[in-house]
Amino acid sequence: MNKKYLTFLPVLALACATTLHAADEAAEQAKLTKKAKITEADARVTASAKVPGGKVQSVEIEEENGKLVWSYDFTKAKSKNITEVQIDAMTGKVAAVEIETPKDIAKEDMEDAAHK
């Protein structure tokens, strides 16, 4: 077999696996969004009020501690920390606010990788 193809095959396999994972994740997000009584837009307003001057880095809907929550990660200028704000997707109330340092984030990333 041509060396060019042998180099390409692992890249293609990784791309396919990544695409399948992204599709599964999107389907899960859609399923959970349908269960929510509070829209993402309404939850964003509530979450943003908890982090004045913050910029949304990411948002997802997830089941956390038995509750369906909209989870927002905010960044702020001149800070390496991330503020995570969770909004109860059924009531619209703030469920949690947590500040994560770069060390916390690295630890969480390692734990997530170990569970995959």
N, C-alpha and C. Protein backbone atom coordinates (compact mmCIF):
# COMPACT_ATOMS: atom_id res chain seq x y z
N MET A 1 0.84 -1.18 0.00
CA MET A 1 0.00 0.00 0.00
C MET A 1 0.89 1.24 0.00
N ASN A 2 0.45 2.27 -0.60
CA ASN A 2 1.16 3.53 -0.71
C ASN A 2 1.34 4.16 0.68
N LYS A 3 2.56 4.67 0.98
CA LYS A 3 2.84 5.29 2.27
C LYS A 3 1.91 6.47 2.54
N LYS A 4 1.56 7.20 1.51
CA LYS A 4 0.69 8.37 1.67
C LYS A 4 -0.65 7.93 2.27
N TYR A 5 -1.19 6.82 1.82
CA TYR A 5 -2.46 6.32 2.34
C TYR A 5 -2.33 5.80 3.77
N LEU A 6 -1.20 5.15 4.07
CA LEU A 6 -0.98 4.65 5.43
C LEU A 6 -0.94 5.79 6.44
N THR A 7 -0.40 6.91 6.06
CA THR A 7 -0.37 8.08 6.93
C THR A 7 -1.75 8.69 7.06
N PHE A 8 -2.52 8.65 6.01
CA PHE A 8 -3.84 9.27 5.98
C PHE A 8 -4.89 8.48 6.76
N LEU A 9 -4.77 7.15 6.79
CA LEU A 9 -5.79 6.31 7.43
C LEU A 9 -6.03 6.63 8.91
N PRO A 10 -4.99 6.79 9.74
CA PRO A 10 -5.26 7.13 11.14
C PRO A 10 -5.95 8.49 11.29
N VAL A 11 -5.58 9.43 10.44
CA VAL A 11 -6.21 10.76 10.47
C VAL A 11 -7.69 10.64 10.11
N LEU A 12 -7.98 9.85 9.10
CA LEU A 12 -9.37 9.65 8.68
C LEU A 12 -10.18 8.96 9.79
N ALA A 13 -9.59 7.96 10.43
CA ALA A 13 -10.29 7.25 11.51
C ALA A 13 -10.59 8.19 12.67
N LEU A 14 -9.65 9.05 13.03
CA LEU A 14 -9.86 10.02 14.11
C LEU A 14 -10.94 11.01 13.73
N ALA A 15 -10.93 11.46 12.49
CA ALA A 15 -11.95 12.42 12.03
C ALA A 15 -13.34 11.80 12.09
N CYS A 16 -13.46 10.55 11.70
CA CYS A 16 -14.76 9.85 11.74
C CYS A 16 -15.24 9.69 13.19
N ALA A 17 -14.34 9.29 14.07
CA ALA A 17 -14.71 9.11 15.48
C ALA A 17 -15.14 10.43 16.10
N THR A 18 -14.43 11.50 15.78
CA THR A 18 -14.76 12.82 16.31
C THR A 18 -16.12 13.28 15.79
N THR A 19 -16.38 13.04 14.54
CA THR A 19 -17.66 13.43 13.94
C THR A 19 -18.81 12.66 14.58
N LEU A 20 -18.62 11.37 14.81
CA LEU A 20 -19.67 10.56 15.45
C LEU A 20 -19.93 11.02 16.88
N HIS A 21 -18.87 11.35 17.61
CA HIS A 21 -19.03 11.85 18.98
C HIS A 21 -19.78 13.18 18.97
N ALA A 22 -19.44 14.06 18.06
CA ALA A 22 -20.12 15.36 17.96
C ALA A 22 -21.60 15.17 17.63
N ALA A 23 -21.91 14.23 16.76
CA ALA A 23 -23.30 13.97 16.40
C ALA A 23 -24.07 13.42 17.60
N ASP A 24 -23.45 12.52 18.37
CA ASP A 24 -24.08 11.98 19.57
C ASP A 24 -24.33 13.10 20.59
N GLU A 25 -23.35 13.96 20.76
CA GLU A 25 -23.47 15.07 21.70
C GLU A 25 -24.58 16.02 21.28
N ALA A 26 -24.67 16.33 20.00
CA ALA A 26 -25.72 17.22 19.50
C ALA A 26 -27.10 16.61 19.72
N ALA A 27 -27.22 15.31 19.50
CA ALA A 27 -28.51 14.63 19.72
C ALA A 27 -28.90 14.67 21.19
N GLU A 28 -27.93 14.47 22.07
CA GLU A 28 -28.19 14.51 23.51
C GLU A 28 -28.62 15.92 23.93
N GLN A 29 -27.94 16.93 23.41
CA GLN A 29 -28.29 18.32 23.72
C GLN A 29 -29.72 18.63 23.26
N ALA A 30 -30.08 18.17 22.07
CA ALA A 30 -31.43 18.40 21.54
C ALA A 30 -32.48 17.72 22.41
N LYS A 31 -32.20 16.49 22.85
CA LYS A 31 -33.12 15.74 23.69
C LYS A 31 -33.35 16.46 25.02
N LEU A 32 -32.27 16.93 25.64
CA LEU A 32 -32.38 17.62 26.92
C LEU A 32 -33.06 18.99 26.77
N THR A 33 -32.79 19.67 25.66
CA THR A 33 -33.41 20.97 25.41
C THR A 33 -34.92 20.84 25.33
N LYS A 34 -35.41 19.77 24.73
CA LYS A 34 -36.86 19.54 24.63
C LYS A 34 -37.50 19.36 26.00
N LYS A 35 -36.75 18.83 26.96
CA LYS A 35 -37.27 18.62 28.31
C LYS A 35 -37.32 19.91 29.12
N ALA A 36 -36.52 20.90 28.75
CA ALA A 36 -36.40 22.14 29.53
C ALA A 36 -37.65 23.01 29.42
N LYS A 37 -38.02 23.62 30.54
CA LYS A 37 -39.14 24.57 30.54
C LYS A 37 -38.63 26.00 30.36
N ILE A 38 -37.36 26.22 30.65
CA ILE A 38 -36.74 27.54 30.51
C ILE A 38 -35.88 27.52 29.25
N THR A 39 -36.06 28.52 28.39
CA THR A 39 -35.27 28.57 27.16
C THR A 39 -33.82 28.94 27.47
N GLU A 40 -32.96 28.59 26.54
CA GLU A 40 -31.54 28.94 26.70
C GLU A 40 -31.38 30.45 26.77
N ALA A 41 -32.13 31.19 25.97
CA ALA A 41 -32.02 32.65 25.96
C ALA A 41 -32.40 33.25 27.32
N ASP A 42 -33.48 32.75 27.92
CA ASP A 42 -33.89 33.25 29.23
C ASP A 42 -32.87 32.88 30.30
N ALA A 43 -32.34 31.66 30.23
CA ALA A 43 -31.34 31.22 31.20
C ALA A 43 -30.07 32.06 31.06
N ARG A 44 -29.71 32.42 29.84
CA ARG A 44 -28.51 33.23 29.59
C ARG A 44 -28.61 34.58 30.28
N VAL A 45 -29.79 35.20 30.23
CA VAL A 45 -30.00 36.50 30.87
C VAL A 45 -29.75 36.38 32.38
N THR A 46 -30.32 35.35 32.99
CA THR A 46 -30.16 35.14 34.43
C THR A 46 -28.69 34.86 34.78
N ALA A 47 -28.05 34.01 34.00
CA ALA A 47 -26.64 33.66 34.26
C ALA A 47 -25.74 34.88 34.09
N SER A 48 -25.98 35.65 33.05
CA SER A 48 -25.14 36.83 32.78
C SER A 48 -25.20 37.84 33.91
N ALA A 49 -26.33 37.94 34.57
CA ALA A 49 -26.47 38.88 35.70
C ALA A 49 -25.56 38.49 36.86
N LYS A 50 -25.16 37.23 36.93
CA LYS A 50 -24.28 36.76 38.00
C LYS A 50 -22.80 37.03 37.72
N VAL A 51 -22.48 37.38 36.46
CA VAL A 51 -21.08 37.62 36.09
C VAL A 51 -21.00 38.92 35.29
N PRO A 52 -21.18 40.06 35.96
CA PRO A 52 -21.12 41.34 35.24
C PRO A 52 -19.79 41.49 34.49
N GLY A 53 -19.86 41.87 33.23
CA GLY A 53 -18.66 42.03 32.41
C GLY A 53 -18.11 40.72 31.88
N GLY A 54 -18.79 39.63 32.15
CA GLY A 54 -18.32 38.32 31.69
C GLY A 54 -18.77 38.04 30.27
N LYS A 55 -18.01 37.20 29.60
CA LYS A 55 -18.33 36.78 28.23
C LYS A 55 -18.56 35.27 28.24
N VAL A 56 -19.67 34.83 27.64
CA VAL A 56 -19.97 33.40 27.60
C VAL A 56 -18.95 32.70 26.71
N GLN A 57 -18.25 31.74 27.30
CA GLN A 57 -17.27 30.95 26.55
C GLN A 57 -17.93 29.70 26.00
N SER A 58 -18.83 29.10 26.80
CA SER A 58 -19.54 27.91 26.33
C SER A 58 -20.84 27.77 27.10
N VAL A 59 -21.77 27.04 26.48
CA VAL A 59 -23.06 26.74 27.11
C VAL A 59 -23.48 25.35 26.72
N GLU A 60 -24.06 24.65 27.68
CA GLU A 60 -24.62 23.33 27.39
C GLU A 60 -25.75 23.07 28.37
N ILE A 61 -26.61 22.17 28.00
CA ILE A 61 -27.64 21.72 28.91
C ILE A 61 -27.25 20.32 29.35
N GLU A 62 -27.38 20.07 30.66
CA GLU A 62 -26.92 18.79 31.20
C GLU A 62 -27.70 18.44 32.45
N GLU A 63 -27.63 17.17 32.80
CA GLU A 63 -28.21 16.72 34.06
C GLU A 63 -27.08 16.69 35.08
N GLU A 64 -27.27 17.48 36.13
CA GLU A 64 -26.24 17.64 37.16
C GLU A 64 -26.90 17.48 38.52
N ASN A 65 -26.41 16.53 39.30
CA ASN A 65 -26.97 16.29 40.63
C ASN A 65 -28.48 16.10 40.61
N GLY A 66 -28.96 15.37 39.60
CA GLY A 66 -30.39 15.07 39.51
C GLY A 66 -31.25 16.20 38.97
N LYS A 67 -30.63 17.29 38.54
CA LYS A 67 -31.38 18.42 37.99
C LYS A 67 -30.96 18.68 36.55
N LEU A 68 -31.91 19.14 35.77
CA LEU A 68 -31.61 19.57 34.41
C LEU A 68 -31.20 21.05 34.49
N VAL A 69 -29.99 21.35 34.05
CA VAL A 69 -29.48 22.72 34.16
C VAL A 69 -28.86 23.20 32.85
N TRP A 70 -28.99 24.49 32.65
CA TRP A 70 -28.22 25.18 31.61
C TRP A 70 -26.92 25.56 32.29
N SER A 71 -25.79 25.17 31.73
CA SER A 71 -24.49 25.43 32.33
C SER A 71 -23.69 26.38 31.43
N TYR A 72 -23.29 27.51 32.00
CA TYR A 72 -22.55 28.54 31.27
C TYR A 72 -21.16 28.68 31.86
N ASP A 73 -20.16 28.77 30.99
CA ASP A 73 -18.80 29.11 31.40
C ASP A 73 -18.52 30.52 30.93
N PHE A 74 -18.18 31.39 31.88
CA PHE A 74 -17.88 32.79 31.57
C PHE A 74 -16.40 33.07 31.78
N THR A 75 -15.86 33.92 30.92
CA THR A 75 -14.51 34.44 31.11
C THR A 75 -14.63 35.94 31.33
N LYS A 76 -13.61 36.50 31.99
CA LYS A 76 -13.55 37.94 32.20
C LYS A 76 -12.17 38.43 31.81
N ALA A 77 -12.12 39.64 31.27
CA ALA A 77 -10.84 40.23 30.88
C ALA A 77 -9.91 40.25 32.08
N LYS A 78 -8.65 40.00 31.83
CA LYS A 78 -7.59 40.05 32.83
C LYS A 78 -7.71 38.98 33.90
N SER A 79 -8.43 37.90 33.61
CA SER A 79 -8.54 36.79 34.55
C SER A 79 -8.43 35.47 33.79
N LYS A 80 -7.72 34.53 34.39
CA LYS A 80 -7.60 33.21 33.79
C LYS A 80 -8.64 32.25 34.35
N ASN A 81 -9.42 32.72 35.33
CA ASN A 81 -10.46 31.89 35.93
C ASN A 81 -11.67 31.81 35.02
N ILE A 82 -12.46 30.77 35.23
CA ILE A 82 -13.74 30.63 34.55
C ILE A 82 -14.81 30.58 35.63
N THR A 83 -15.86 31.34 35.42
CA THR A 83 -16.99 31.30 36.34
C THR A 83 -18.08 30.46 35.68
N GLU A 84 -18.42 29.36 36.34
CA GLU A 84 -19.48 28.49 35.84
C GLU A 84 -20.77 28.85 36.57
N VAL A 85 -21.81 29.12 35.80
CA VAL A 85 -23.12 29.44 36.37
C VAL A 85 -24.10 28.42 35.82
N GLN A 86 -24.82 27.78 36.74
CA GLN A 86 -25.83 26.80 36.34
C GLN A 86 -27.21 27.36 36.68
N ILE A 87 -28.10 27.28 35.69
CA ILE A 87 -29.47 27.74 35.83
C ILE A 87 -30.39 26.53 35.72
N ASP A 88 -31.25 26.35 36.69
CA ASP A 88 -32.21 25.25 36.68
C ASP A 88 -33.10 25.40 35.44
N ALA A 89 -33.09 24.42 34.58
CA ALA A 89 -33.82 24.49 33.30
C ALA A 89 -35.32 24.30 33.48
N MET A 90 -35.76 23.98 34.68
CA MET A 90 -37.19 23.81 34.94
C MET A 90 -37.80 25.03 35.63
N THR A 91 -36.98 25.70 36.48
CA THR A 91 -37.50 26.84 37.26
C THR A 91 -36.92 28.18 36.86
N GLY A 92 -35.74 28.18 36.23
CA GLY A 92 -35.08 29.43 35.87
C GLY A 92 -34.27 30.04 36.99
N LYS A 93 -34.18 29.36 38.12
CA LYS A 93 -33.42 29.87 39.26
C LYS A 93 -31.97 29.45 39.17
N VAL A 94 -31.10 30.26 39.80
CA VAL A 94 -29.68 29.93 39.84
C VAL A 94 -29.49 28.68 40.69
N ALA A 95 -28.88 27.67 40.11
CA ALA A 95 -28.64 26.41 40.82
C ALA A 95 -27.25 26.40 41.46
N ALA A 96 -26.28 27.05 40.81
CA ALA A 96 -24.91 27.07 41.34
C ALA A 96 -24.08 28.12 40.62
N VAL A 97 -23.10 28.65 41.35
CA VAL A 97 -22.09 29.55 40.78
C VAL A 97 -20.76 29.08 41.35
N GLU A 98 -19.82 28.80 40.46
CA GLU A 98 -18.52 28.29 40.90
C GLU A 98 -17.41 28.94 40.09
N ILE A 99 -16.37 29.37 40.78
CA ILE A 99 -15.20 29.92 40.09
C ILE A 99 -14.16 28.83 39.99
N GLU A 100 -13.70 28.58 38.77
CA GLU A 100 -12.72 27.53 38.51
C GLU A 100 -11.40 28.17 38.10
N THR A 101 -10.33 27.81 38.80
CA THR A 101 -8.99 28.30 38.47
C THR A 101 -8.40 27.43 37.36
N PRO A 102 -7.33 27.89 36.71
CA PRO A 102 -6.70 27.04 35.70
C PRO A 102 -6.31 25.66 36.24
N LYS A 103 -5.91 25.59 37.50
CA LYS A 103 -5.56 24.31 38.12
C LYS A 103 -6.80 23.42 38.22
N ASP A 104 -7.93 23.99 38.64
CA ASP A 104 -9.19 23.24 38.72
C ASP A 104 -9.59 22.71 37.34
N ILE A 105 -9.45 23.56 36.33
CA ILE A 105 -9.85 23.20 34.97
C ILE A 105 -8.99 22.04 34.45
N ALA A 106 -7.68 22.11 34.70
CA ALA A 106 -6.77 21.05 34.26
C ALA A 106 -7.14 19.72 34.94
N LYS A 107 -7.45 19.77 36.22
CA LYS A 107 -7.84 18.56 36.96
C LYS A 107 -9.13 17.98 36.38
N GLU A 108 -10.11 18.84 36.11
CA GLU A 108 -11.38 18.38 35.54
C GLU A 108 -11.19 17.76 34.15
N ASP A 109 -10.32 18.38 33.34
CA ASP A 109 -10.03 17.84 32.01
C ASP A 109 -9.40 16.44 32.10
N MET A 110 -8.51 16.26 33.08
CA MET A 110 -7.87 14.94 33.26
C MET A 110 -8.90 13.90 33.69
N GLU A 111 -9.81 14.28 34.57
CA GLU A 111 -10.86 13.35 35.02
C GLU A 111 -11.79 13.00 33.88
N ASP A 112 -12.16 13.99 33.06
CA ASP A 112 -13.02 13.72 31.91
C ASP A 112 -12.35 12.77 30.94
N ALA A 113 -11.05 12.97 30.69
CA ALA A 113 -10.32 12.12 29.76
C ALA A 113 -10.24 10.68 30.28
N ALA A 114 -10.14 10.53 31.59
CA ALA A 114 -10.05 9.19 32.19
C ALA A 114 -11.38 8.44 32.05
N HIS A 115 -12.48 9.16 31.97
CA HIS A 115 -13.81 8.53 31.86
C HIS A 115 -14.21 8.22 30.43
N LYS A 116 -13.42 8.63 29.47
CA LYS A 116 -13.77 8.39 28.06
C LYS A 116 -13.23 7.11 27.57
